[in-house]
Amino acid sequence: MKQLITIVTLMGALLISGCGETTAHNRGVYMLLDTSGTYTRELQKAQQIINFVLAKMEPTDSFAVARIDTGSFSEKDIVSKITFDDRPSQANREKLKFRDDIDQFVKTVKGSSYTDITGGILQSTEYLDERKPGIKTILIFSDMKEEIKKGFMRDIPLQLDGYEVVALNVTKLRSDNIDPREYMQRLEQWQQKVEQGGGRWRVINDLEQLEGIFEG
């Protein structure tokens, strides 16, 4: 009898331990759009990427798109954001509304004087950490040349544990053509910054390879 009680107690403990928090399997994607200088001419490519991501999003996934501006650690730069409804029909309607918001933004956007990429990444993590998705991805559509307004402090360690950061369409600047080392060093510096923060880094310049973002 004593052995039976012990077995029942152990089984109860195992059942309780198995009822803890389950791992979330939904996805959170935050996409940053560079709107500085001539990069606004690239935004039609960004629309294609956004439409691709929307097609991949499932009910309960979260998606946000924001511009990289003078000071991007701010919700005011978010163009559109949504956590999709758990009903597929409603989620599809939300995707259409999201796409319309982006189309309107691209038609009316004005170029920014500065490129606060670090601030945008900080805003991305704040947004996604609040939503607690199981898979967290930050997409950066930019030439990755950061230009900060005087007085802004951005020498801040990034907290990117559990994140994948993907730089997209990293166009080469005129100075890069003169000295290709500038382009390579720029990407190496961002890779180092992301990996020091615990994140994974990737560059995708061939937009036909976007499928890789959703692998795993």
N, C-alpha and C. Protein backbone atom coordinates (compact mmCIF):
# COMPACT_ATOMS: atom_id res chain seq x y z
N MET A 1 0.83 -1.21 0.00
CA MET A 1 0.00 0.00 0.00
C MET A 1 0.87 1.26 0.00
N LYS A 2 1.92 1.22 0.81
CA LYS A 2 2.83 2.36 0.88
C LYS A 2 3.49 2.63 -0.46
N GLN A 3 3.87 1.53 -1.17
CA GLN A 3 4.49 1.68 -2.49
C GLN A 3 3.51 2.30 -3.49
N LEU A 4 2.22 1.89 -3.39
CA LEU A 4 1.19 2.42 -4.29
C LEU A 4 1.02 3.92 -4.09
N ILE A 5 1.01 4.36 -2.83
CA ILE A 5 0.87 5.79 -2.52
C ILE A 5 2.05 6.58 -3.09
N THR A 6 3.25 5.98 -2.96
CA THR A 6 4.45 6.65 -3.48
C THR A 6 4.36 6.81 -4.99
N ILE A 7 3.91 5.76 -5.69
CA ILE A 7 3.80 5.80 -7.15
C ILE A 7 2.78 6.85 -7.58
N VAL A 8 1.63 6.87 -6.87
CA VAL A 8 0.58 7.84 -7.19
C VAL A 8 1.10 9.26 -6.98
N THR A 9 1.86 9.48 -5.90
CA THR A 9 2.42 10.80 -5.61
C THR A 9 3.38 11.25 -6.70
N LEU A 10 4.25 10.32 -7.14
CA LEU A 10 5.20 10.63 -8.20
C LEU A 10 4.49 10.96 -9.51
N MET A 11 3.44 10.19 -9.82
CA MET A 11 2.69 10.45 -11.04
C MET A 11 2.02 11.81 -11.00
N GLY A 12 1.52 12.16 -9.82
CA GLY A 12 0.89 13.48 -9.66
C GLY A 12 1.89 14.59 -9.85
N ALA A 13 3.10 14.42 -9.32
CA ALA A 13 4.15 15.43 -9.47
C ALA A 13 4.53 15.61 -10.93
N LEU A 14 4.61 14.48 -11.66
CA LEU A 14 4.95 14.55 -13.08
C LEU A 14 3.88 15.26 -13.88
N LEU A 15 2.62 15.00 -13.53
CA LEU A 15 1.52 15.66 -14.23
C LEU A 15 1.53 17.15 -13.99
N ILE A 16 1.81 17.55 -12.75
CA ILE A 16 1.86 18.97 -12.42
C ILE A 16 2.99 19.65 -13.16
N SER A 17 4.18 18.99 -13.19
CA SER A 17 5.32 19.58 -13.88
C SER A 17 5.07 19.70 -15.37
N GLY A 18 4.26 18.79 -15.91
CA GLY A 18 3.95 18.83 -17.33
C GLY A 18 2.92 19.88 -17.69
N CYS A 19 2.31 20.51 -16.69
CA CYS A 19 1.28 21.52 -16.93
C CYS A 19 1.83 22.93 -16.84
N GLY A 20 3.14 23.07 -16.92
CA GLY A 20 3.75 24.40 -16.88
C GLY A 20 3.53 25.14 -18.18
N GLU A 21 4.25 26.23 -18.35
CA GLU A 21 4.10 27.04 -19.55
C GLU A 21 4.54 26.27 -20.79
N THR A 22 3.72 26.34 -21.83
CA THR A 22 4.08 25.70 -23.08
C THR A 22 4.82 26.70 -23.96
N THR A 23 5.65 26.16 -24.85
CA THR A 23 6.41 27.02 -25.74
C THR A 23 5.51 27.56 -26.84
N ALA A 24 5.55 28.87 -27.03
CA ALA A 24 4.74 29.48 -28.09
C ALA A 24 5.33 29.13 -29.45
N HIS A 25 4.45 28.85 -30.41
CA HIS A 25 4.91 28.49 -31.75
C HIS A 25 4.54 29.56 -32.77
N ASN A 26 3.92 30.64 -32.31
CA ASN A 26 3.59 31.71 -33.27
C ASN A 26 4.83 32.54 -33.57
N ARG A 27 4.71 33.40 -34.56
CA ARG A 27 5.85 34.14 -35.08
C ARG A 27 5.61 35.65 -34.93
N GLY A 28 6.68 36.37 -34.64
CA GLY A 28 6.63 37.82 -34.61
C GLY A 28 7.68 38.39 -35.55
N VAL A 29 7.25 39.25 -36.47
CA VAL A 29 8.17 39.87 -37.43
C VAL A 29 8.03 41.38 -37.33
N TYR A 30 9.15 42.06 -37.21
CA TYR A 30 9.18 43.53 -37.19
C TYR A 30 10.11 43.95 -38.31
N MET A 31 9.59 44.74 -39.24
CA MET A 31 10.37 45.15 -40.41
C MET A 31 10.64 46.65 -40.37
N LEU A 32 11.91 47.01 -40.49
CA LEU A 32 12.34 48.41 -40.51
C LEU A 32 12.63 48.84 -41.93
N LEU A 33 12.09 50.00 -42.31
CA LEU A 33 12.27 50.53 -43.67
C LEU A 33 13.14 51.78 -43.63
N ASP A 34 14.23 51.73 -44.34
CA ASP A 34 15.11 52.90 -44.49
C ASP A 34 14.44 53.89 -45.44
N THR A 35 14.24 55.12 -44.97
CA THR A 35 13.60 56.15 -45.82
C THR A 35 14.52 57.35 -46.01
N SER A 36 15.82 57.13 -45.87
CA SER A 36 16.76 58.24 -46.00
C SER A 36 17.23 58.40 -47.43
N GLY A 37 17.44 59.64 -47.83
CA GLY A 37 18.03 59.93 -49.13
C GLY A 37 17.35 59.25 -50.29
N THR A 38 18.16 58.69 -51.17
CA THR A 38 17.64 58.04 -52.37
C THR A 38 17.08 56.65 -52.08
N TYR A 39 17.19 56.17 -50.84
CA TYR A 39 16.72 54.81 -50.55
C TYR A 39 15.21 54.70 -50.64
N THR A 40 14.50 55.84 -50.61
CA THR A 40 13.05 55.80 -50.79
C THR A 40 12.68 55.21 -52.15
N ARG A 41 13.61 55.30 -53.12
CA ARG A 41 13.34 54.73 -54.45
C ARG A 41 13.28 53.21 -54.42
N GLU A 42 13.78 52.62 -53.33
CA GLU A 42 13.82 51.17 -53.21
C GLU A 42 12.56 50.60 -52.56
N LEU A 43 11.64 51.47 -52.14
CA LEU A 43 10.52 51.01 -51.32
C LEU A 43 9.53 50.10 -52.04
N GLN A 44 9.53 50.14 -53.38
CA GLN A 44 8.67 49.19 -54.09
C GLN A 44 9.15 47.75 -53.86
N LYS A 45 10.46 47.58 -53.74
CA LYS A 45 10.98 46.26 -53.38
C LYS A 45 10.54 45.88 -51.98
N ALA A 46 10.51 46.87 -51.09
CA ALA A 46 10.06 46.61 -49.72
C ALA A 46 8.61 46.14 -49.72
N GLN A 47 7.78 46.75 -50.57
CA GLN A 47 6.38 46.31 -50.67
C GLN A 47 6.29 44.85 -51.06
N GLN A 48 7.13 44.42 -51.98
CA GLN A 48 7.13 43.01 -52.40
C GLN A 48 7.48 42.10 -51.23
N ILE A 49 8.46 42.53 -50.42
CA ILE A 49 8.85 41.73 -49.26
C ILE A 49 7.72 41.68 -48.25
N ILE A 50 7.08 42.82 -48.00
CA ILE A 50 5.97 42.86 -47.05
C ILE A 50 4.83 41.96 -47.50
N ASN A 51 4.50 41.98 -48.79
CA ASN A 51 3.45 41.11 -49.30
C ASN A 51 3.83 39.64 -49.16
N PHE A 52 5.12 39.35 -49.34
CA PHE A 52 5.60 37.97 -49.15
C PHE A 52 5.42 37.55 -47.69
N VAL A 53 5.82 38.43 -46.77
CA VAL A 53 5.69 38.11 -45.34
C VAL A 53 4.22 37.93 -44.97
N LEU A 54 3.36 38.82 -45.45
CA LEU A 54 1.93 38.70 -45.16
C LEU A 54 1.38 37.35 -45.60
N ALA A 55 1.82 36.89 -46.76
CA ALA A 55 1.35 35.59 -47.26
C ALA A 55 1.78 34.44 -46.35
N LYS A 56 2.90 34.63 -45.66
CA LYS A 56 3.43 33.58 -44.77
C LYS A 56 2.85 33.64 -43.35
N MET A 57 2.28 34.77 -42.99
CA MET A 57 1.77 34.94 -41.63
C MET A 57 0.57 34.03 -41.37
N GLU A 58 0.52 33.49 -40.18
CA GLU A 58 -0.58 32.62 -39.76
C GLU A 58 -1.41 33.33 -38.69
N PRO A 59 -2.64 32.87 -38.44
CA PRO A 59 -3.42 33.42 -37.33
C PRO A 59 -2.62 33.40 -36.03
N THR A 60 -2.72 34.46 -35.27
CA THR A 60 -2.03 34.74 -33.97
C THR A 60 -0.59 35.21 -34.15
N ASP A 61 -0.05 35.20 -35.38
CA ASP A 61 1.27 35.80 -35.62
C ASP A 61 1.17 37.32 -35.49
N SER A 62 2.31 37.95 -35.21
CA SER A 62 2.37 39.42 -35.11
C SER A 62 3.29 39.97 -36.18
N PHE A 63 2.90 41.11 -36.75
CA PHE A 63 3.69 41.75 -37.82
C PHE A 63 3.61 43.25 -37.64
N ALA A 64 4.75 43.92 -37.73
CA ALA A 64 4.79 45.37 -37.67
C ALA A 64 5.81 45.88 -38.68
N VAL A 65 5.49 47.02 -39.28
CA VAL A 65 6.40 47.69 -40.21
C VAL A 65 6.58 49.12 -39.74
N ALA A 66 7.84 49.55 -39.65
CA ALA A 66 8.13 50.91 -39.19
C ALA A 66 9.22 51.53 -40.05
N ARG A 67 9.21 52.84 -40.15
CA ARG A 67 10.26 53.53 -40.89
C ARG A 67 11.45 53.81 -39.98
N ILE A 68 12.63 53.81 -40.57
CA ILE A 68 13.83 54.25 -39.86
C ILE A 68 13.95 55.75 -40.11
N ASP A 69 13.88 56.51 -39.02
CA ASP A 69 13.80 57.96 -39.14
C ASP A 69 14.93 58.58 -38.33
N THR A 70 14.77 59.86 -38.02
CA THR A 70 15.78 60.58 -37.23
C THR A 70 15.97 59.95 -35.86
N GLY A 71 14.86 59.68 -35.18
CA GLY A 71 14.90 59.03 -33.87
C GLY A 71 13.89 57.91 -33.86
N SER A 72 14.33 56.69 -34.15
CA SER A 72 13.40 55.59 -34.42
C SER A 72 13.01 54.78 -33.20
N PHE A 73 13.45 55.18 -32.02
CA PHE A 73 13.03 54.48 -30.81
C PHE A 73 11.70 55.10 -30.35
N SER A 74 10.69 54.97 -31.20
CA SER A 74 9.41 55.63 -30.95
C SER A 74 8.32 54.93 -31.73
N GLU A 75 7.15 54.78 -31.13
CA GLU A 75 6.03 54.14 -31.81
C GLU A 75 5.48 55.01 -32.94
N LYS A 76 5.82 56.29 -32.95
CA LYS A 76 5.28 57.18 -34.00
C LYS A 76 5.77 56.76 -35.38
N ASP A 77 6.86 56.02 -35.44
CA ASP A 77 7.40 55.60 -36.73
C ASP A 77 6.82 54.28 -37.21
N ILE A 78 5.93 53.68 -36.44
CA ILE A 78 5.29 52.43 -36.86
C ILE A 78 4.22 52.77 -37.90
N VAL A 79 4.36 52.17 -39.07
CA VAL A 79 3.41 52.42 -40.17
C VAL A 79 2.16 51.57 -40.00
N SER A 80 2.34 50.32 -39.64
CA SER A 80 1.21 49.42 -39.41
C SER A 80 1.66 48.29 -38.50
N LYS A 81 0.75 47.82 -37.64
CA LYS A 81 1.08 46.72 -36.73
C LYS A 81 -0.18 45.91 -36.47
N ILE A 82 -0.01 44.63 -36.25
CA ILE A 82 -1.16 43.76 -36.05
C ILE A 82 -0.71 42.44 -35.41
N THR A 83 -1.53 41.92 -34.52
CA THR A 83 -1.46 40.52 -34.13
C THR A 83 -2.70 39.89 -34.73
N PHE A 84 -2.51 38.99 -35.67
CA PHE A 84 -3.62 38.50 -36.45
C PHE A 84 -4.59 37.66 -35.62
N ASP A 85 -5.85 37.82 -35.94
CA ASP A 85 -6.92 37.09 -35.28
C ASP A 85 -6.70 35.59 -35.43
N ASP A 86 -7.23 34.82 -34.46
CA ASP A 86 -7.07 33.37 -34.56
C ASP A 86 -8.04 32.73 -35.55
N ARG A 87 -8.98 33.54 -36.09
CA ARG A 87 -9.89 33.05 -37.12
C ARG A 87 -9.28 33.36 -38.50
N PRO A 88 -9.02 32.36 -39.32
CA PRO A 88 -8.36 32.60 -40.61
C PRO A 88 -9.07 33.63 -41.48
N SER A 89 -10.39 33.61 -41.53
CA SER A 89 -11.11 34.56 -42.39
C SER A 89 -10.88 35.99 -41.94
N GLN A 90 -10.90 36.22 -40.63
CA GLN A 90 -10.64 37.56 -40.10
C GLN A 90 -9.18 37.95 -40.30
N ALA A 91 -8.27 36.99 -40.12
CA ALA A 91 -6.84 37.26 -40.33
C ALA A 91 -6.59 37.69 -41.77
N ASN A 92 -7.28 37.09 -42.73
CA ASN A 92 -7.11 37.47 -44.14
C ASN A 92 -7.58 38.89 -44.39
N ARG A 93 -8.68 39.28 -43.74
CA ARG A 93 -9.15 40.66 -43.89
C ARG A 93 -8.14 41.64 -43.29
N GLU A 94 -7.54 41.25 -42.18
CA GLU A 94 -6.53 42.09 -41.54
C GLU A 94 -5.29 42.24 -42.43
N LYS A 95 -4.94 41.18 -43.13
CA LYS A 95 -3.80 41.25 -44.05
C LYS A 95 -4.06 42.25 -45.18
N LEU A 96 -5.27 42.25 -45.71
CA LEU A 96 -5.62 43.19 -46.77
C LEU A 96 -5.54 44.63 -46.28
N LYS A 97 -6.02 44.86 -45.06
CA LYS A 97 -5.95 46.20 -44.48
C LYS A 97 -4.49 46.61 -44.25
N PHE A 98 -3.67 45.69 -43.80
CA PHE A 98 -2.25 45.94 -43.57
C PHE A 98 -1.57 46.34 -44.88
N ARG A 99 -1.86 45.58 -45.93
CA ARG A 99 -1.27 45.87 -47.24
C ARG A 99 -1.68 47.25 -47.74
N ASP A 100 -2.93 47.61 -47.53
CA ASP A 100 -3.41 48.94 -47.95
C ASP A 100 -2.69 50.05 -47.19
N ASP A 101 -2.46 49.83 -45.90
CA ASP A 101 -1.73 50.83 -45.09
C ASP A 101 -0.32 51.05 -45.65
N ILE A 102 0.34 49.96 -46.02
CA ILE A 102 1.70 50.06 -46.56
C ILE A 102 1.70 50.76 -47.92
N ASP A 103 0.73 50.42 -48.77
CA ASP A 103 0.64 51.05 -50.09
C ASP A 103 0.48 52.56 -49.95
N GLN A 104 -0.36 52.97 -49.01
CA GLN A 104 -0.58 54.40 -48.81
C GLN A 104 0.68 55.08 -48.29
N PHE A 105 1.39 54.41 -47.40
CA PHE A 105 2.63 54.95 -46.85
C PHE A 105 3.66 55.18 -47.96
N VAL A 106 3.84 54.18 -48.81
CA VAL A 106 4.83 54.28 -49.88
C VAL A 106 4.49 55.43 -50.85
N LYS A 107 3.21 55.65 -51.08
CA LYS A 107 2.79 56.73 -51.98
C LYS A 107 3.09 58.11 -51.42
N THR A 108 3.09 58.25 -50.10
CA THR A 108 3.18 59.58 -49.48
C THR A 108 4.46 59.82 -48.68
N VAL A 109 5.32 58.82 -48.56
CA VAL A 109 6.49 58.94 -47.69
C VAL A 109 7.44 60.05 -48.16
N LYS A 110 8.00 60.73 -47.18
CA LYS A 110 9.03 61.73 -47.45
C LYS A 110 10.34 61.24 -46.84
N GLY A 111 11.43 61.51 -47.52
CA GLY A 111 12.73 61.03 -47.06
C GLY A 111 13.15 61.65 -45.74
N SER A 112 13.85 60.89 -44.93
CA SER A 112 14.36 61.39 -43.65
C SER A 112 15.82 61.79 -43.80
N SER A 113 16.26 62.68 -42.92
CA SER A 113 17.64 63.19 -43.00
C SER A 113 18.64 62.28 -42.31
N TYR A 114 18.14 61.45 -41.38
CA TYR A 114 19.03 60.59 -40.60
C TYR A 114 18.52 59.15 -40.65
N THR A 115 19.39 58.24 -40.21
CA THR A 115 19.07 56.81 -40.27
C THR A 115 19.40 56.17 -38.93
N ASP A 116 18.42 56.15 -38.04
CA ASP A 116 18.62 55.63 -36.68
C ASP A 116 18.29 54.14 -36.64
N ILE A 117 19.20 53.33 -37.16
CA ILE A 117 18.98 51.89 -37.21
C ILE A 117 18.95 51.28 -35.81
N THR A 118 19.86 51.70 -34.95
CA THR A 118 19.91 51.15 -33.59
C THR A 118 18.61 51.44 -32.84
N GLY A 119 18.11 52.68 -32.96
CA GLY A 119 16.85 53.02 -32.32
C GLY A 119 15.71 52.17 -32.83
N GLY A 120 15.73 51.89 -34.14
CA GLY A 120 14.70 51.04 -34.72
C GLY A 120 14.76 49.62 -34.18
N ILE A 121 15.96 49.09 -34.01
CA ILE A 121 16.11 47.74 -33.45
C ILE A 121 15.61 47.71 -31.99
N LEU A 122 15.94 48.74 -31.23
CA LEU A 122 15.46 48.82 -29.85
C LEU A 122 13.94 48.83 -29.79
N GLN A 123 13.32 49.59 -30.69
CA GLN A 123 11.86 49.64 -30.74
C GLN A 123 11.29 48.28 -31.16
N SER A 124 11.99 47.61 -32.07
CA SER A 124 11.55 46.29 -32.53
C SER A 124 11.50 45.29 -31.37
N THR A 125 12.56 45.26 -30.58
CA THR A 125 12.61 44.30 -29.47
C THR A 125 11.58 44.63 -28.41
N GLU A 126 11.36 45.91 -28.16
CA GLU A 126 10.34 46.31 -27.18
C GLU A 126 8.96 45.82 -27.63
N TYR A 127 8.66 46.02 -28.90
CA TYR A 127 7.36 45.62 -29.43
C TYR A 127 7.19 44.10 -29.38
N LEU A 128 8.18 43.37 -29.88
CA LEU A 128 8.04 41.91 -29.95
C LEU A 128 8.11 41.26 -28.58
N ASP A 129 8.93 41.78 -27.67
CA ASP A 129 9.01 41.20 -26.33
C ASP A 129 7.67 41.31 -25.60
N GLU A 130 6.92 42.37 -25.86
CA GLU A 130 5.60 42.52 -25.24
C GLU A 130 4.63 41.45 -25.74
N ARG A 131 4.79 41.02 -26.98
CA ARG A 131 3.86 40.06 -27.58
C ARG A 131 4.29 38.61 -27.37
N LYS A 132 5.53 38.39 -26.99
CA LYS A 132 6.03 37.07 -26.62
C LYS A 132 5.78 35.98 -27.68
N PRO A 133 6.13 36.24 -28.94
CA PRO A 133 6.00 35.16 -29.93
C PRO A 133 7.09 34.12 -29.72
N GLY A 134 6.85 32.92 -30.25
CA GLY A 134 7.84 31.86 -30.12
C GLY A 134 9.05 32.07 -31.02
N ILE A 135 8.84 32.71 -32.17
CA ILE A 135 9.90 32.98 -33.13
C ILE A 135 9.94 34.48 -33.38
N LYS A 136 11.10 35.11 -33.18
CA LYS A 136 11.21 36.57 -33.28
C LYS A 136 12.22 36.94 -34.36
N THR A 137 11.75 37.74 -35.32
CA THR A 137 12.59 38.12 -36.46
C THR A 137 12.51 39.62 -36.69
N ILE A 138 13.67 40.25 -36.88
CA ILE A 138 13.73 41.66 -37.25
C ILE A 138 14.30 41.74 -38.66
N LEU A 139 13.55 42.34 -39.57
CA LEU A 139 14.00 42.55 -40.94
C LEU A 139 14.39 44.02 -41.10
N ILE A 140 15.57 44.27 -41.67
CA ILE A 140 16.04 45.65 -41.86
C ILE A 140 16.26 45.87 -43.34
N PHE A 141 15.39 46.67 -43.95
CA PHE A 141 15.48 47.00 -45.37
C PHE A 141 16.25 48.30 -45.48
N SER A 142 17.58 48.20 -45.70
CA SER A 142 18.43 49.38 -45.58
C SER A 142 19.80 49.11 -46.21
N ASP A 143 20.52 50.20 -46.50
CA ASP A 143 21.93 50.06 -46.89
C ASP A 143 22.83 49.89 -45.67
N MET A 144 22.22 49.92 -44.46
CA MET A 144 22.89 49.70 -43.18
C MET A 144 23.92 50.77 -42.83
N LYS A 145 23.78 51.94 -43.45
CA LYS A 145 24.63 53.08 -43.11
C LYS A 145 23.88 53.92 -42.08
N GLU A 146 24.32 53.84 -40.84
CA GLU A 146 23.64 54.56 -39.76
C GLU A 146 24.17 55.98 -39.65
N GLU A 147 23.25 56.94 -39.63
CA GLU A 147 23.60 58.35 -39.44
C GLU A 147 22.69 58.91 -38.35
N ILE A 148 23.31 59.30 -37.24
CA ILE A 148 22.58 59.71 -36.04
C ILE A 148 22.62 61.23 -35.89
N LYS A 149 21.49 61.79 -35.56
CA LYS A 149 21.42 63.23 -35.31
C LYS A 149 22.25 63.58 -34.07
N LYS A 150 22.91 64.72 -34.13
CA LYS A 150 23.75 65.17 -33.02
C LYS A 150 22.93 65.23 -31.74
N GLY A 151 23.50 64.69 -30.68
CA GLY A 151 22.84 64.69 -29.39
C GLY A 151 22.14 63.39 -29.05
N PHE A 152 21.94 62.52 -30.05
CA PHE A 152 21.30 61.23 -29.81
C PHE A 152 22.35 60.22 -29.36
N MET A 153 22.06 59.47 -28.31
CA MET A 153 22.97 58.44 -27.80
C MET A 153 22.51 57.07 -28.29
N ARG A 154 23.36 56.40 -29.05
CA ARG A 154 23.02 55.07 -29.57
C ARG A 154 24.12 54.04 -29.32
N ASP A 155 25.10 54.37 -28.49
CA ASP A 155 26.13 53.40 -28.13
C ASP A 155 25.58 52.53 -27.01
N ILE A 156 24.60 51.70 -27.39
CA ILE A 156 23.83 50.93 -26.42
C ILE A 156 23.91 49.45 -26.79
N PRO A 157 24.24 48.56 -25.84
CA PRO A 157 24.25 47.12 -26.15
C PRO A 157 22.84 46.65 -26.50
N LEU A 158 22.73 45.84 -27.52
CA LEU A 158 21.44 45.29 -27.93
C LEU A 158 21.16 43.99 -27.19
N GLN A 159 19.92 43.78 -26.78
CA GLN A 159 19.50 42.55 -26.13
C GLN A 159 18.70 41.73 -27.15
N LEU A 160 19.37 40.78 -27.80
CA LEU A 160 18.77 40.08 -28.94
C LEU A 160 18.74 38.57 -28.77
N ASP A 161 18.76 38.11 -27.54
CA ASP A 161 18.70 36.67 -27.30
C ASP A 161 17.39 36.12 -27.86
N GLY A 162 17.48 35.12 -28.73
CA GLY A 162 16.29 34.53 -29.32
C GLY A 162 15.83 35.21 -30.59
N TYR A 163 16.55 36.22 -31.04
CA TYR A 163 16.18 36.96 -32.24
C TYR A 163 17.04 36.56 -33.43
N GLU A 164 16.42 36.63 -34.61
CA GLU A 164 17.20 36.61 -35.85
C GLU A 164 17.04 37.99 -36.49
N VAL A 165 18.15 38.59 -36.87
CA VAL A 165 18.15 39.90 -37.52
C VAL A 165 18.62 39.70 -38.96
N VAL A 166 17.79 40.12 -39.90
CA VAL A 166 18.08 39.89 -41.32
C VAL A 166 18.16 41.24 -42.03
N ALA A 167 19.32 41.53 -42.60
CA ALA A 167 19.48 42.74 -43.41
C ALA A 167 19.11 42.40 -44.85
N LEU A 168 18.22 43.23 -45.42
CA LEU A 168 17.69 42.97 -46.75
C LEU A 168 18.06 44.08 -47.73
N ASN A 169 18.36 43.69 -48.96
CA ASN A 169 18.58 44.67 -50.03
C ASN A 169 19.63 45.71 -49.62
N VAL A 170 20.77 45.22 -49.14
CA VAL A 170 21.82 46.13 -48.66
C VAL A 170 22.55 46.69 -49.89
N THR A 171 22.03 47.78 -50.40
CA THR A 171 22.62 48.38 -51.60
C THR A 171 23.98 48.99 -51.30
N LYS A 172 24.80 49.05 -52.29
CA LYS A 172 26.14 49.61 -52.13
C LYS A 172 26.11 51.12 -52.38
N LEU A 173 26.76 51.85 -51.52
CA LEU A 173 26.86 53.30 -51.65
C LEU A 173 27.93 53.65 -52.68
N ARG A 174 27.93 54.90 -53.11
CA ARG A 174 28.94 55.34 -54.07
C ARG A 174 30.34 55.14 -53.51
N SER A 175 30.51 55.44 -52.21
CA SER A 175 31.83 55.27 -51.59
C SER A 175 32.23 53.80 -51.52
N ASP A 176 31.25 52.91 -51.47
CA ASP A 176 31.55 51.47 -51.44
C ASP A 176 32.17 51.02 -52.76
N ASN A 177 31.71 51.63 -53.84
CA ASN A 177 32.27 51.27 -55.15
C ASN A 177 33.72 51.72 -55.27
N ILE A 178 34.03 52.82 -54.60
CA ILE A 178 35.41 53.30 -54.60
C ILE A 178 36.29 52.41 -53.73
N ASP A 179 35.77 52.08 -52.55
CA ASP A 179 36.52 51.23 -51.62
C ASP A 179 35.57 50.16 -51.07
N PRO A 180 35.53 48.96 -51.66
CA PRO A 180 34.62 47.90 -51.23
C PRO A 180 34.78 47.50 -49.76
N ARG A 181 35.93 47.82 -49.18
CA ARG A 181 36.14 47.48 -47.77
C ARG A 181 35.13 48.17 -46.87
N GLU A 182 34.67 49.36 -47.28
CA GLU A 182 33.68 50.08 -46.46
C GLU A 182 32.39 49.27 -46.34
N TYR A 183 31.96 48.71 -47.44
CA TYR A 183 30.74 47.89 -47.44
C TYR A 183 30.92 46.66 -46.55
N MET A 184 32.03 45.98 -46.71
CA MET A 184 32.30 44.78 -45.93
C MET A 184 32.43 45.09 -44.45
N GLN A 185 33.10 46.18 -44.12
CA GLN A 185 33.27 46.56 -42.72
C GLN A 185 31.95 46.94 -42.08
N ARG A 186 31.08 47.61 -42.87
CA ARG A 186 29.78 48.02 -42.34
C ARG A 186 28.97 46.79 -41.94
N LEU A 187 28.95 45.79 -42.79
CA LEU A 187 28.20 44.58 -42.47
C LEU A 187 28.84 43.80 -41.33
N GLU A 188 30.16 43.77 -41.30
CA GLU A 188 30.86 43.08 -40.20
C GLU A 188 30.56 43.72 -38.86
N GLN A 189 30.51 45.04 -38.83
CA GLN A 189 30.22 45.75 -37.59
C GLN A 189 28.81 45.46 -37.08
N TRP A 190 27.85 45.42 -38.01
CA TRP A 190 26.48 45.09 -37.59
C TRP A 190 26.37 43.64 -37.14
N GLN A 191 27.06 42.75 -37.84
CA GLN A 191 27.04 41.35 -37.42
C GLN A 191 27.58 41.21 -36.01
N GLN A 192 28.69 41.89 -35.74
CA GLN A 192 29.29 41.83 -34.42
C GLN A 192 28.34 42.37 -33.36
N LYS A 193 27.69 43.49 -33.66
CA LYS A 193 26.78 44.11 -32.69
C LYS A 193 25.59 43.20 -32.38
N VAL A 194 25.06 42.56 -33.42
CA VAL A 194 23.92 41.66 -33.23
C VAL A 194 24.33 40.42 -32.45
N GLU A 195 25.44 39.81 -32.83
CA GLU A 195 25.86 38.58 -32.19
C GLU A 195 26.32 38.81 -30.75
N GLN A 196 26.91 39.96 -30.48
CA GLN A 196 27.27 40.28 -29.10
C GLN A 196 26.02 40.42 -28.22
N GLY A 197 24.90 40.79 -28.84
CA GLY A 197 23.64 40.89 -28.11
C GLY A 197 22.90 39.57 -28.01
N GLY A 198 23.50 38.50 -28.52
CA GLY A 198 22.89 37.18 -28.42
C GLY A 198 22.02 36.79 -29.59
N GLY A 199 21.97 37.63 -30.63
CA GLY A 199 21.13 37.34 -31.78
C GLY A 199 21.85 36.64 -32.90
N ARG A 200 21.08 36.22 -33.90
CA ARG A 200 21.63 35.62 -35.11
C ARG A 200 21.53 36.65 -36.23
N TRP A 201 22.52 36.68 -37.09
CA TRP A 201 22.62 37.69 -38.14
C TRP A 201 22.64 37.03 -39.51
N ARG A 202 21.95 37.66 -40.44
CA ARG A 202 21.95 37.16 -41.81
C ARG A 202 21.77 38.33 -42.79
N VAL A 203 22.36 38.21 -43.96
CA VAL A 203 22.18 39.20 -45.03
C VAL A 203 21.56 38.49 -46.22
N ILE A 204 20.46 39.05 -46.75
CA ILE A 204 19.82 38.51 -47.95
C ILE A 204 19.69 39.65 -48.95
N ASN A 205 20.51 39.61 -49.98
CA ASN A 205 20.42 40.61 -51.04
C ASN A 205 19.66 40.09 -52.26
N ASP A 206 19.65 38.78 -52.44
CA ASP A 206 18.87 38.16 -53.50
C ASP A 206 17.48 37.89 -52.94
N LEU A 207 16.51 38.72 -53.32
CA LEU A 207 15.18 38.64 -52.72
C LEU A 207 14.45 37.36 -53.10
N GLU A 208 15.00 36.59 -54.04
CA GLU A 208 14.42 35.29 -54.35
C GLU A 208 14.72 34.27 -53.24
N GLN A 209 15.61 34.65 -52.33
CA GLN A 209 15.98 33.76 -51.23
C GLN A 209 15.19 34.06 -49.95
N LEU A 210 14.12 34.84 -50.05
CA LEU A 210 13.34 35.23 -48.87
C LEU A 210 12.72 34.04 -48.15
N GLU A 211 12.48 32.98 -48.88
CA GLU A 211 11.87 31.79 -48.26
C GLU A 211 12.68 31.33 -47.04
N GLY A 212 13.99 31.57 -47.09
CA GLY A 212 14.85 31.14 -45.99
C GLY A 212 14.53 31.78 -44.67
N ILE A 213 13.87 32.95 -44.70
CA ILE A 213 13.51 33.63 -43.45
C ILE A 213 12.56 32.79 -42.63
N PHE A 214 11.73 31.98 -43.30
CA PHE A 214 10.68 31.23 -42.62
C PHE A 214 11.03 29.76 -42.45
N GLU A 215 12.27 29.43 -42.67
CA GLU A 215 12.70 28.05 -42.42
C GLU A 215 12.94 27.85 -40.93
N GLY A 216 12.56 26.71 -40.46
CA GLY A 216 12.80 26.40 -39.05
C GLY A 216 11.72 26.90 -38.15
